[in-house]
Amino acid sequence: MKISILTKDVAMTNAIKAYVNQKIGALSSFVKRFEKRGDITLFLEIARSTKHHKHGEVFYAEATLALPGKTIRVEEYNTDLYRAIDGLKKTLKRDIIKYKSKLVHKTNRKKAGKS
């Protein structure tokens, strides 16, 4: 899985890039079965948001992952950039697992109908 990172109003440091690759890159094991059909790319946007009514800095992390038959889009807001990335990973992992379980259930239903 390739990770494409875009930043807005946030300086891309080596620490942020390493953190993203460590946390989000760990999800590559969940999408390995789909990489056989083609390359999977996760588009990640990290920004400083001013659209909230909260005071101080609010960070925004958004991920878009195109899988066969479904595009998963997740966004997370937090006052800490690293917590926003952690929340994004948690939600993205949950959505990938949900998609895979539906796919397996659908495949098993088709196999059961053929018997």
PDB file of N, CA and C in Angstrom:
ATOM      1  N   MET A   1       0.847  -1.170   0.000  1.00  0.00           N
ATOM      2  CA  MET A   1       0.000   0.000   0.000  1.00  0.00           C
ATOM      3  C   MET A   1       0.893   1.234   0.000  1.00  0.00           C
ATOM      4  N   LYS A   2       0.614   2.106  -0.941  1.00  0.00           N
ATOM      5  CA  LYS A   2       1.327   3.374  -1.003  1.00  0.00           C
ATOM      6  C   LYS A   2       0.554   4.415  -0.211  1.00  0.00           C
ATOM      7  N   ILE A   3       1.278   5.302   0.439  1.00  0.00           N
ATOM      8  CA  ILE A   3       0.646   6.383   1.190  1.00  0.00           C
ATOM      9  C   ILE A   3       1.075   7.700   0.569  1.00  0.00           C
ATOM     10  N   SER A   4       0.106   8.444   0.078  1.00  0.00           N
ATOM     11  CA  SER A   4       0.358   9.758  -0.511  1.00  0.00           C
ATOM     12  C   SER A   4      -0.111  10.806   0.491  1.00  0.00           C
ATOM     13  N   ILE A   5       0.807  11.675   0.950  1.00  0.00           N
ATOM     14  CA  ILE A   5       0.496  12.638   2.005  1.00  0.00           C
ATOM     15  C   ILE A   5       0.467  14.046   1.429  1.00  0.00           C
ATOM     16  N   LEU A   6      -0.597  14.762   1.743  1.00  0.00           N
ATOM     17  CA  LEU A   6      -0.744  16.166   1.369  1.00  0.00           C
ATOM     18  C   LEU A   6      -0.935  16.965   2.650  1.00  0.00           C
ATOM     19  N   THR A   7      -0.220  18.068   2.788  1.00  0.00           N
ATOM     20  CA  THR A   7      -0.373  18.902   3.976  1.00  0.00           C
ATOM     21  C   THR A   7      -0.805  20.304   3.571  1.00  0.00           C
ATOM     22  N   LYS A   8      -1.617  20.904   4.424  1.00  0.00           N
ATOM     23  CA  LYS A   8      -2.054  22.290   4.243  1.00  0.00           C
ATOM     24  C   LYS A   8      -1.884  23.014   5.566  1.00  0.00           C
ATOM     25  N   ASP A   9      -1.150  24.098   5.557  1.00  0.00           N
ATOM     26  CA  ASP A   9      -0.893  24.916   6.750  1.00  0.00           C
ATOM     27  C   ASP A   9      -0.177  24.146   7.857  1.00  0.00           C
ATOM     28  N   VAL A  10       0.461  23.052   7.505  1.00  0.00           N
ATOM     29  CA  VAL A  10       1.258  22.266   8.445  1.00  0.00           C
ATOM     30  C   VAL A  10       2.565  21.913   7.746  1.00  0.00           C
ATOM     31  N   ALA A  11       3.671  22.148   8.420  1.00  0.00           N
ATOM     32  CA  ALA A  11       4.964  21.812   7.828  1.00  0.00           C
ATOM     33  C   ALA A  11       5.179  20.305   7.896  1.00  0.00           C
ATOM     34  N   MET A  12       5.509  19.702   6.760  1.00  0.00           N
ATOM     35  CA  MET A  12       5.760  18.259   6.722  1.00  0.00           C
ATOM     36  C   MET A  12       7.182  18.012   7.218  1.00  0.00           C
ATOM     37  N   THR A  13       7.281  17.486   8.413  1.00  0.00           N
ATOM     38  CA  THR A  13       8.588  17.170   8.990  1.00  0.00           C
ATOM     39  C   THR A  13       8.841  15.678   8.851  1.00  0.00           C
ATOM     40  N   ASN A  14      10.085  15.309   9.053  1.00  0.00           N
ATOM     41  CA  ASN A  14      10.430  13.886   9.005  1.00  0.00           C
ATOM     42  C   ASN A  14       9.717  13.122  10.120  1.00  0.00           C
ATOM     43  N   ALA A  15       9.513  13.770  11.260  1.00  0.00           N
ATOM     44  CA  ALA A  15       8.834  13.114  12.384  1.00  0.00           C
ATOM     45  C   ALA A  15       7.386  12.803  12.037  1.00  0.00           C
ATOM     46  N   ILE A  16       6.706  13.746  11.406  1.00  0.00           N
ATOM     47  CA  ILE A  16       5.301  13.512  11.014  1.00  0.00           C
ATOM     48  C   ILE A  16       5.228  12.411   9.961  1.00  0.00           C
ATOM     49  N   LYS A  17       6.133  12.468   8.984  1.00  0.00           N
ATOM     50  CA  LYS A  17       6.129  11.460   7.927  1.00  0.00           C
ATOM     51  C   LYS A  17       6.404  10.064   8.492  1.00  0.00           C
ATOM     52  N   ALA A  18       7.353   9.972   9.413  1.00  0.00           N
ATOM     53  CA  ALA A  18       7.667   8.681  10.036  1.00  0.00           C
ATOM     54  C   ALA A  18       6.490   8.177  10.861  1.00  0.00           C
ATOM     55  N   TYR A  19       5.819   9.081  11.574  1.00  0.00           N
ATOM     56  CA  TYR A  19       4.676   8.696  12.393  1.00  0.00           C
ATOM     57  C   TYR A  19       3.529   8.172  11.530  1.00  0.00           C
ATOM     58  N   VAL A  20       3.276   8.855  10.426  1.00  0.00           N
ATOM     59  CA  VAL A  20       2.221   8.421   9.503  1.00  0.00           C
ATOM     60  C   VAL A  20       2.562   7.064   8.915  1.00  0.00           C
ATOM     61  N   ASN A  21       3.796   6.888   8.475  1.00  0.00           N
ATOM     62  CA  ASN A  21       4.201   5.607   7.891  1.00  0.00           C
ATOM     63  C   ASN A  21       4.126   4.485   8.911  1.00  0.00           C
ATOM     64  N   GLN A  22       4.442   4.785  10.164  1.00  0.00           N
ATOM     65  CA  GLN A  22       4.381   3.759  11.207  1.00  0.00           C
ATOM     66  C   GLN A  22       2.933   3.396  11.527  1.00  0.00           C
ATOM     67  N   LYS A  23       2.098   4.396  11.775  1.00  0.00           N
ATOM     68  CA  LYS A  23       0.714   4.145  12.196  1.00  0.00           C
ATOM     69  C   LYS A  23      -0.185   3.687  11.043  1.00  0.00           C
ATOM     70  N   ILE A  24      -0.226   4.468   9.990  1.00  0.00           N
ATOM     71  CA  ILE A  24      -1.113   4.157   8.871  1.00  0.00           C
ATOM     72  C   ILE A  24      -0.544   3.008   8.033  1.00  0.00           C
ATOM     73  N   GLY A  25       0.776   2.935   7.936  1.00  0.00           N
ATOM     74  CA  GLY A  25       1.412   1.850   7.191  1.00  0.00           C
ATOM     75  C   GLY A  25       1.120   0.485   7.780  1.00  0.00           C
ATOM     76  N   ALA A  26       0.816   0.434   9.071  1.00  0.00           N
ATOM     77  CA  ALA A  26       0.484  -0.834   9.725  1.00  0.00           C
ATOM     78  C   ALA A  26      -0.814  -1.426   9.178  1.00  0.00           C
ATOM     79  N   LEU A  27      -1.633  -0.605   8.553  1.00  0.00           N
ATOM     80  CA  LEU A  27      -2.899  -1.088   7.988  1.00  0.00           C
ATOM     81  C   LEU A  27      -2.702  -1.822   6.664  1.00  0.00           C
ATOM     82  N   SER A  28      -1.490  -1.800   6.128  1.00  0.00           N
ATOM     83  CA  SER A  28      -1.254  -2.448   4.834  1.00  0.00           C
ATOM     84  C   SER A  28      -1.509  -3.948   4.890  1.00  0.00           C
ATOM     85  N   SER A  29      -1.343  -4.550   6.063  1.00  0.00           N
ATOM     86  CA  SER A  29      -1.607  -5.984   6.175  1.00  0.00           C
ATOM     87  C   SER A  29      -3.094  -6.302   5.978  1.00  0.00           C
ATOM     88  N   PHE A  30      -3.968  -5.328   6.238  1.00  0.00           N
ATOM     89  CA  PHE A  30      -5.407  -5.545   6.081  1.00  0.00           C
ATOM     90  C   PHE A  30      -5.853  -5.475   4.626  1.00  0.00           C
ATOM     91  N   VAL A  31      -5.047  -4.862   3.757  1.00  0.00           N
ATOM     92  CA  VAL A  31      -5.447  -4.696   2.356  1.00  0.00           C
ATOM     93  C   VAL A  31      -4.556  -5.491   1.403  1.00  0.00           C
ATOM     94  N   LYS A  32      -3.734  -6.380   1.926  1.00  0.00           N
ATOM     95  CA  LYS A  32      -2.833  -7.165   1.070  1.00  0.00           C
ATOM     96  C   LYS A  32      -3.577  -7.979   0.022  1.00  0.00           C
ATOM     97  N   ARG A  33      -4.708  -8.539   0.399  1.00  0.00           N
ATOM     98  CA  ARG A  33      -5.446  -9.392  -0.547  1.00  0.00           C
ATOM     99  C   ARG A  33      -5.950  -8.606  -1.748  1.00  0.00           C
ATOM    100  N   PHE A  34      -6.135  -7.300  -1.599  1.00  0.00           N
ATOM    101  CA  PHE A  34      -6.614  -6.474  -2.705  1.00  0.00           C
ATOM    102  C   PHE A  34      -5.480  -5.994  -3.602  1.00  0.00           C
ATOM    103  N   GLU A  35      -4.247  -6.059  -3.120  1.00  0.00           N
ATOM    104  CA  GLU A  35      -3.099  -5.603  -3.906  1.00  0.00           C
ATOM    105  C   GLU A  35      -2.785  -6.560  -5.047  1.00  0.00           C
ATOM    106  N   LYS A  36      -3.305  -7.761  -5.006  1.00  0.00           N
ATOM    107  CA  LYS A  36      -3.099  -8.713  -6.101  1.00  0.00           C
ATOM    108  C   LYS A  36      -3.760  -8.219  -7.381  1.00  0.00           C
ATOM    109  N   ARG A  37      -4.863  -7.483  -7.231  1.00  0.00           N
ATOM    110  CA  ARG A  37      -5.603  -6.959  -8.383  1.00  0.00           C
ATOM    111  C   ARG A  37      -5.010  -5.654  -8.909  1.00  0.00           C
ATOM    112  N   GLY A  38      -4.208  -5.010  -8.121  1.00  0.00           N
ATOM    113  CA  GLY A  38      -3.612  -3.736  -8.516  1.00  0.00           C
ATOM    114  C   GLY A  38      -3.058  -3.024  -7.299  1.00  0.00           C
ATOM    115  N   ASP A  39      -2.379  -1.942  -7.538  1.00  0.00           N
ATOM    116  CA  ASP A  39      -1.756  -1.202  -6.457  1.00  0.00           C
ATOM    117  C   ASP A  39      -2.809  -0.421  -5.673  1.00  0.00           C
ATOM    118  N   ILE A  40      -2.729  -0.478  -4.359  1.00  0.00           N
ATOM    119  CA  ILE A  40      -3.646   0.242  -3.485  1.00  0.00           C
ATOM    120  C   ILE A  40      -2.920   1.492  -2.979  1.00  0.00           C
ATOM    121  N   THR A  41      -3.565   2.650  -3.124  1.00  0.00           N
ATOM    122  CA  THR A  41      -2.987   3.902  -2.661  1.00  0.00           C
ATOM    123  C   THR A  41      -3.940   4.558  -1.674  1.00  0.00           C
ATOM    124  N   LEU A  42      -3.384   4.986  -0.553  1.00  0.00           N
ATOM    125  CA  LEU A  42      -4.143   5.709   0.446  1.00  0.00           C
ATOM    126  C   LEU A  42      -3.743   7.174   0.341  1.00  0.00           C
ATOM    127  N   PHE A  43      -4.717   8.039   0.128  1.00  0.00           N
ATOM    128  CA  PHE A  43      -4.464   9.473   0.057  1.00  0.00           C
ATOM    129  C   PHE A  43      -4.777  10.072   1.419  1.00  0.00           C
ATOM    130  N   LEU A  44      -3.779  10.713   2.010  1.00  0.00           N
ATOM    131  CA  LEU A  44      -3.909  11.273   3.353  1.00  0.00           C
ATOM    132  C   LEU A  44      -3.691  12.776   3.286  1.00  0.00           C
ATOM    133  N   GLU A  45      -4.618  13.523   3.856  1.00  0.00           N
ATOM    134  CA  GLU A  45      -4.496  14.976   3.924  1.00  0.00           C
ATOM    135  C   GLU A  45      -4.420  15.380   5.386  1.00  0.00           C
ATOM    136  N   ILE A  46      -3.405  16.156   5.722  1.00  0.00           N
ATOM    137  CA  ILE A  46      -3.234  16.668   7.075  1.00  0.00           C
ATOM    138  C   ILE A  46      -3.258  18.185   6.973  1.00  0.00           C
ATOM    139  N   ALA A  47      -4.088  18.825   7.794  1.00  0.00           N
ATOM    140  CA  ALA A  47      -4.222  20.275   7.704  1.00  0.00           C
ATOM    141  C   ALA A  47      -4.517  20.878   9.071  1.00  0.00           C
ATOM    142  N   ARG A  48      -4.335  22.174   9.137  1.00  0.00           N
ATOM    143  CA  ARG A  48      -4.744  22.939  10.301  1.00  0.00           C
ATOM    144  C   ARG A  48      -6.086  23.559   9.938  1.00  0.00           C
ATOM    145  N   SER A  49      -7.101  23.250  10.700  1.00  0.00           N
ATOM    146  CA  SER A  49      -8.454  23.672  10.363  1.00  0.00           C
ATOM    147  C   SER A  49      -8.841  24.908  11.164  1.00  0.00           C
ATOM    148  N   THR A  50      -9.581  25.791  10.521  1.00  0.00           N
ATOM    149  CA  THR A  50     -10.111  26.967  11.207  1.00  0.00           C
ATOM    150  C   THR A  50     -11.621  27.007  11.094  1.00  0.00           C
ATOM    151  N   LYS A  51     -12.243  25.904  10.701  1.00  0.00           N
ATOM    152  CA  LYS A  51     -13.687  25.858  10.489  1.00  0.00           C
ATOM    153  C   LYS A  51     -14.468  25.556  11.768  1.00  0.00           C
ATOM    154  N   HIS A  52     -13.764  25.383  12.882  1.00  0.00           N
ATOM    155  CA  HIS A  52     -14.428  25.039  14.135  1.00  0.00           C
ATOM    156  C   HIS A  52     -14.610  26.272  14.998  1.00  0.00           C
ATOM    157  N   HIS A  53     -15.457  26.142  15.975  1.00  0.00           N
ATOM    158  CA  HIS A  53     -15.680  27.213  16.924  1.00  0.00           C
ATOM    159  C   HIS A  53     -14.757  27.088  18.125  1.00  0.00           C
ATOM    160  N   LYS A  54     -13.906  26.062  18.112  1.00  0.00           N
ATOM    161  CA  LYS A  54     -12.975  25.861  19.216  1.00  0.00           C
ATOM    162  C   LYS A  54     -11.864  26.897  19.137  1.00  0.00           C
ATOM    163  N   HIS A  55     -11.286  27.196  20.272  1.00  0.00           N
ATOM    164  CA  HIS A  55     -10.169  28.135  20.322  1.00  0.00           C
ATOM    165  C   HIS A  55      -8.865  27.375  20.155  1.00  0.00           C
ATOM    166  N   GLY A  56      -7.863  28.030  19.619  1.00  0.00           N
ATOM    167  CA  GLY A  56      -6.570  27.403  19.431  1.00  0.00           C
ATOM    168  C   GLY A  56      -6.520  26.623  18.136  1.00  0.00           C
ATOM    169  N   GLU A  57      -5.475  25.852  18.006  1.00  0.00           N
ATOM    170  CA  GLU A  57      -5.274  25.081  16.780  1.00  0.00           C
ATOM    171  C   GLU A  57      -6.095  23.801  16.804  1.00  0.00           C
ATOM    172  N   VAL A  58      -6.723  23.529  15.700  1.00  0.00           N
ATOM    173  CA  VAL A  58      -7.465  22.289  15.520  1.00  0.00           C
ATOM    174  C   VAL A  58      -6.915  21.639  14.259  1.00  0.00           C
ATOM    175  N   PHE A  59      -6.458  20.401  14.399  1.00  0.00           N
ATOM    176  CA  PHE A  59      -5.869  19.689  13.272  1.00  0.00           C
ATOM    177  C   PHE A  59      -6.892  18.744  12.655  1.00  0.00           C
ATOM    178  N   TYR A  60      -6.715  18.524  11.391  1.00  0.00           N
ATOM    179  CA  TYR A  60      -7.646  17.755  10.587  1.00  0.00           C
ATOM    180  C   TYR A  60      -6.846  16.703   9.823  1.00  0.00           C
ATOM    181  N   ALA A  61      -7.297  15.466   9.866  1.00  0.00           N
ATOM    182  CA  ALA A  61      -6.670  14.396   9.095  1.00  0.00           C
ATOM    183  C   ALA A  61      -7.775  13.676   8.331  1.00  0.00           C
ATOM    184  N   GLU A  62      -7.553  13.481   7.048  1.00  0.00           N
ATOM    185  CA  GLU A  62      -8.546  12.826   6.193  1.00  0.00           C
ATOM    186  C   GLU A  62      -7.840  11.778   5.349  1.00  0.00           C
ATOM    187  N   ALA A  63      -8.439  10.601   5.255  1.00  0.00           N
ATOM    188  CA  ALA A  63      -7.874   9.520   4.449  1.00  0.00           C
ATOM    189  C   ALA A  63      -8.923   9.028   3.463  1.00  0.00           C
ATOM    190  N   THR A  64      -8.467   8.746   2.243  1.00  0.00           N
ATOM    191  CA  THR A  64      -9.316   8.165   1.217  1.00  0.00           C
ATOM    192  C   THR A  64      -8.612   6.924   0.684  1.00  0.00           C
ATOM    193  N   LEU A  65      -9.284   5.794   0.777  1.00  0.00           N
ATOM    194  CA  LEU A  65      -8.724   4.516   0.356  1.00  0.00           C
ATOM    195  C   LEU A  65      -9.691   3.873  -0.627  1.00  0.00           C
ATOM    196  N   ALA A  66      -9.220   3.673  -1.866  1.00  0.00           N
ATOM    197  CA  ALA A  66     -10.056   3.062  -2.904  1.00  0.00           C
ATOM    198  C   ALA A  66      -9.785   1.573  -2.944  1.00  0.00           C
ATOM    199  N   LEU A  67     -10.795   0.795  -2.592  1.00  0.00           N
ATOM    200  CA  LEU A  67     -10.727  -0.662  -2.634  1.00  0.00           C
ATOM    201  C   LEU A  67     -11.647  -1.134  -3.753  1.00  0.00           C
ATOM    202  N   PRO A  68     -11.489  -2.369  -4.216  1.00  0.00           N
ATOM    203  CA  PRO A  68     -12.378  -2.867  -5.269  1.00  0.00           C
ATOM    204  C   PRO A  68     -13.845  -2.836  -4.830  1.00  0.00           C
ATOM    205  N   GLY A  69     -14.639  -2.049  -5.513  1.00  0.00           N
ATOM    206  CA  GLY A  69     -16.062  -1.978  -5.216  1.00  0.00           C
ATOM    207  C   GLY A  69     -16.449  -0.980  -4.144  1.00  0.00           C
ATOM    208  N   LYS A  70     -15.487  -0.330  -3.503  1.00  0.00           N
ATOM    209  CA  LYS A  70     -15.825   0.605  -2.430  1.00  0.00           C
ATOM    210  C   LYS A  70     -14.674   1.578  -2.198  1.00  0.00           C
ATOM    211  N   THR A  71     -15.033   2.813  -1.911  1.00  0.00           N
ATOM    212  CA  THR A  71     -14.052   3.815  -1.505  1.00  0.00           C
ATOM    213  C   THR A  71     -14.340   4.176  -0.061  1.00  0.00           C
ATOM    214  N   ILE A  72     -13.328   4.036   0.776  1.00  0.00           N
ATOM    215  CA  ILE A  72     -13.476   4.345   2.197  1.00  0.00           C
ATOM    216  C   ILE A  72     -12.869   5.724   2.441  1.00  0.00           C
ATOM    217  N   ARG A  73     -13.664   6.609   3.043  1.00  0.00           N
ATOM    218  CA  ARG A  73     -13.208   7.958   3.355  1.00  0.00           C
ATOM    219  C   ARG A  73     -13.441   8.205   4.835  1.00  0.00           C
ATOM    220  N   VAL A  74     -12.386   8.624   5.526  1.00  0.00           N
ATOM    221  CA  VAL A  74     -12.448   8.832   6.965  1.00  0.00           C
ATOM    222  C   VAL A  74     -11.832  10.188   7.275  1.00  0.00           C
ATOM    223  N   GLU A  75     -12.423  10.919   8.219  1.00  0.00           N
ATOM    224  CA  GLU A  75     -11.835  12.179   8.657  1.00  0.00           C
ATOM    225  C   GLU A  75     -11.870  12.259  10.170  1.00  0.00           C
ATOM    226  N   GLU A  76     -10.910  12.983  10.712  1.00  0.00           N
ATOM    227  CA  GLU A  76     -10.774  13.085  12.163  1.00  0.00           C
ATOM    228  C   GLU A  76     -10.261  14.479  12.510  1.00  0.00           C
ATOM    229  N   TYR A  77     -10.841  15.083  13.545  1.00  0.00           N
ATOM    230  CA  TYR A  77     -10.417  16.382  14.056  1.00  0.00           C
ATOM    231  C   TYR A  77      -9.902  16.201  15.477  1.00  0.00           C
ATOM    232  N   ASN A  78      -8.846  16.949  15.835  1.00  0.00           N
ATOM    233  CA  ASN A  78      -8.334  16.914  17.193  1.00  0.00           C
ATOM    234  C   ASN A  78      -7.444  18.123  17.406  1.00  0.00           C
ATOM    235  N   THR A  79      -7.229  18.473  18.666  1.00  0.00           N
ATOM    236  CA  THR A  79      -6.346  19.595  18.972  1.00  0.00           C
ATOM    237  C   THR A  79      -4.882  19.199  18.863  1.00  0.00           C
ATOM    238  N   ASP A  80      -4.607  17.901  18.818  1.00  0.00           N
ATOM    239  CA  ASP A  80      -3.249  17.383  18.665  1.00  0.00           C
ATOM    240  C   ASP A  80      -3.167  16.625  17.339  1.00  0.00           C
ATOM    241  N   LEU A  81      -2.178  16.949  16.542  1.00  0.00           N
ATOM    242  CA  LEU A  81      -2.024  16.327  15.231  1.00  0.00           C
ATOM    243  C   LEU A  81      -1.853  14.817  15.338  1.00  0.00           C
ATOM    244  N   TYR A  82      -1.045  14.371  16.275  1.00  0.00           N
ATOM    245  CA  TYR A  82      -0.783  12.940  16.420  1.00  0.00           C
ATOM    246  C   TYR A  82      -2.027  12.187  16.890  1.00  0.00           C
ATOM    247  N   ARG A  83      -2.837  12.807  17.723  1.00  0.00           N
ATOM    248  CA  ARG A  83      -4.094  12.166  18.151  1.00  0.00           C
ATOM    249  C   ARG A  83      -5.083  12.087  17.002  1.00  0.00           C
ATOM    250  N   ALA A  84      -5.065  13.077  16.125  1.00  0.00           N
ATOM    251  CA  ALA A  84      -5.933  13.040  14.944  1.00  0.00           C
ATOM    252  C   ALA A  84      -5.539  11.868  14.048  1.00  0.00           C
ATOM    253  N   ILE A  85      -4.237  11.641  13.891  1.00  0.00           N
ATOM    254  CA  ILE A  85      -3.751  10.518  13.079  1.00  0.00           C
ATOM    255  C   ILE A  85      -4.118   9.196  13.734  1.00  0.00           C
ATOM    256  N   ASP A  86      -3.988   9.122  15.062  1.00  0.00           N
ATOM    257  CA  ASP A  86      -4.356   7.892  15.783  1.00  0.00           C
ATOM    258  C   ASP A  86      -5.843   7.587  15.634  1.00  0.00           C
ATOM    259  N   GLY A  87      -6.683   8.608  15.769  1.00  0.00           N
ATOM    260  CA  GLY A  87      -8.128   8.411  15.608  1.00  0.00           C
ATOM    261  C   GLY A  87      -8.478   7.997  14.191  1.00  0.00           C
ATOM    262  N   LEU A  88      -7.780   8.573  13.231  1.00  0.00           N
ATOM    263  CA  LEU A  88      -7.984   8.225  11.826  1.00  0.00           C
ATOM    264  C   LEU A  88      -7.641   6.758  11.591  1.00  0.00           C
ATOM    265  N   LYS A  89      -6.538   6.309  12.159  1.00  0.00           N
ATOM    266  CA  LYS A  89      -6.125   4.908  12.003  1.00  0.00           C
ATOM    267  C   LYS A  89      -7.174   3.966  12.589  1.00  0.00           C
ATOM    268  N   LYS A  90      -7.664   4.300  13.769  1.00  0.00           N
ATOM    269  CA  LYS A  90      -8.648   3.448  14.446  1.00  0.00           C
ATOM    270  C   LYS A  90      -9.931   3.316  13.614  1.00  0.00           C
ATOM    271  N   THR A  91     -10.425   4.446  13.106  1.00  0.00           N
ATOM    272  CA  THR A  91     -11.649   4.427  12.310  1.00  0.00           C
ATOM    273  C   THR A  91     -11.440   3.741  10.971  1.00  0.00           C
ATOM    274  N   LEU A  92     -10.298   3.990  10.346  1.00  0.00           N
ATOM    275  CA  LEU A  92      -9.990   3.374   9.057  1.00  0.00           C
ATOM    276  C   LEU A  92      -9.868   1.856   9.199  1.00  0.00           C
ATOM    277  N   LYS A  93      -9.219   1.410  10.255  1.00  0.00           N
ATOM    278  CA  LYS A  93      -9.079  -0.029  10.509  1.00  0.00           C
ATOM    279  C   LYS A  93     -10.453  -0.672  10.688  1.00  0.00           C
ATOM    280  N   ARG A  94     -11.317  -0.025  11.457  1.00  0.00           N
ATOM    281  CA  ARG A  94     -12.667  -0.548  11.683  1.00  0.00           C
ATOM    282  C   ARG A  94     -13.442  -0.656  10.374  1.00  0.00           C
ATOM    283  N   ASP A  95     -13.326   0.366   9.520  1.00  0.00           N
ATOM    284  CA  ASP A  95     -14.056   0.358   8.258  1.00  0.00           C
ATOM    285  C   ASP A  95     -13.515  -0.696   7.285  1.00  0.00           C
ATOM    286  N   ILE A  96     -12.204  -0.901   7.271  1.00  0.00           N
ATOM    287  CA  ILE A  96     -11.614  -1.936   6.409  1.00  0.00           C
ATOM    288  C   ILE A  96     -12.075  -3.317   6.853  1.00  0.00           C
ATOM    289  N   ILE A  97     -12.058  -3.564   8.149  1.00  0.00           N
ATOM    290  CA  ILE A  97     -12.495  -4.863   8.676  1.00  0.00           C
ATOM    291  C   ILE A  97     -13.974  -5.094   8.368  1.00  0.00           C
ATOM    292  N   LYS A  98     -14.787  -4.053   8.494  1.00  0.00           N
ATOM    293  CA  LYS A  98     -16.213  -4.154   8.186  1.00  0.00           C
ATOM    294  C   LYS A  98     -16.426  -4.493   6.706  1.00  0.00           C
ATOM    295  N   TYR A  99     -15.673  -3.831   5.834  1.00  0.00           N
ATOM    296  CA  TYR A  99     -15.770  -4.096   4.399  1.00  0.00           C
ATOM    297  C   TYR A  99     -15.346  -5.525   4.073  1.00  0.00           C
ATOM    298  N   LYS A 100     -14.242  -5.979   4.667  1.00  0.00           N
ATOM    299  CA  LYS A 100     -13.758  -7.335   4.401  1.00  0.00           C
ATOM    300  C   LYS A 100     -14.731  -8.386   4.909  1.00  0.00           C
ATOM    301  N   SER A 101     -15.348  -8.149   6.061  1.00  0.00           N
ATOM    302  CA  SER A 101     -16.291  -9.143   6.587  1.00  0.00           C
ATOM    303  C   SER A 101     -17.534  -9.231   5.712  1.00  0.00           C
ATOM    304  N   LYS A 102     -17.998  -8.098   5.181  1.00  0.00           N
ATOM    305  CA  LYS A 102     -19.133  -8.132   4.259  1.00  0.00           C
ATOM    306  C   LYS A 102     -18.770  -8.869   2.985  1.00  0.00           C
ATOM    307  N   LEU A 103     -17.556  -8.658   2.508  1.00  0.00           N
ATOM    308  CA  LEU A 103     -17.092  -9.310   1.291  1.00  0.00           C
ATOM    309  C   LEU A 103     -17.004 -10.823   1.487  1.00  0.00           C
ATOM    310  N   VAL A 104     -16.475 -11.266   2.624  1.00  0.00           N
ATOM    311  CA  VAL A 104     -16.365 -12.696   2.922  1.00  0.00           C
ATOM    312  C   VAL A 104     -17.752 -13.299   3.081  1.00  0.00           C
ATOM    313  N   HIS A 105     -18.651 -12.595   3.770  1.00  0.00           N
ATOM    314  CA  HIS A 105     -20.009 -13.095   3.963  1.00  0.00           C
ATOM    315  C   HIS A 105     -20.719 -13.251   2.612  1.00  0.00           C
ATOM    316  N   LYS A 106     -20.533 -12.285   1.746  1.00  0.00           N
ATOM    317  CA  LYS A 106     -21.147 -12.331   0.414  1.00  0.00           C
ATOM    318  C   LYS A 106     -20.595 -13.507  -0.393  1.00  0.00           C
ATOM    319  N   THR A 107     -19.281 -13.733  -0.311  1.00  0.00           N
ATOM    320  CA  THR A 107     -18.647 -14.844  -1.024  1.00  0.00           C
ATOM    321  C   THR A 107     -19.133 -16.181  -0.483  1.00  0.00           C
ATOM    322  N   ASN A 108     -19.249 -16.291   0.834  1.00  0.00           N
ATOM    323  CA  ASN A 108     -19.720 -17.544   1.442  1.00  0.00           C
ATOM    324  C   ASN A 108     -21.176 -17.826   1.076  1.00  0.00           C
ATOM    325  N   ARG A 109     -21.985 -16.780   0.956  1.00  0.00           N
ATOM    326  CA  ARG A 109     -23.375 -16.964   0.552  1.00  0.00           C
ATOM    327  C   ARG A 109     -23.467 -17.486  -0.867  1.00  0.00           C
ATOM    328  N   LYS A 110     -22.601 -16.973  -1.747  1.00  0.00           N
ATOM    329  CA  LYS A 110     -22.605 -17.451  -3.127  1.00  0.00           C
ATOM    330  C   LYS A 110     -22.189 -18.904  -3.208  1.00  0.00           C
ATOM    331  N   LYS A 111     -21.169 -19.285  -2.405  1.00  0.00           N
ATOM    332  CA  LYS A 111     -20.686 -20.678  -2.397  1.00  0.00           C
ATOM    333  C   LYS A 111     -21.762 -21.607  -1.847  1.00  0.00           C
ATOM    334  N   ALA A 112     -22.479 -21.165  -0.839  1.00  0.00           N
ATOM    335  CA  ALA A 112     -23.524 -21.995  -0.237  1.00  0.00           C
ATOM    336  C   ALA A 112     -24.682 -22.209  -1.206  1.00  0.00           C
ATOM    337  N   GLY A 113     -24.952 -21.240  -2.030  1.00  0.00           N
ATOM    338  CA  GLY A 113     -26.037 -21.364  -2.989  1.00  0.00           C
ATOM    339  C   GLY A 113     -25.706 -22.315  -4.123  1.00  0.00           C
ATOM    340  N   LYS A 114     -24.433 -22.517  -4.431  1.00  0.00           N
ATOM    341  CA  LYS A 114     -24.019 -23.408  -5.510  1.00  0.00           C
ATOM    342  C   LYS A 114     -24.063 -24.871  -5.106  1.00  0.00           C
ATOM    343  N   SER A 115     -24.015 -25.159  -3.817  1.00  0.00           N
ATOM    344  CA  SER A 115     -23.958 -26.558  -3.370  1.00  0.00           C
ATOM    345  C   SER A 115     -25.246 -27.270  -3.580  1.00  0.00           C
TER     346      SER A 115
END
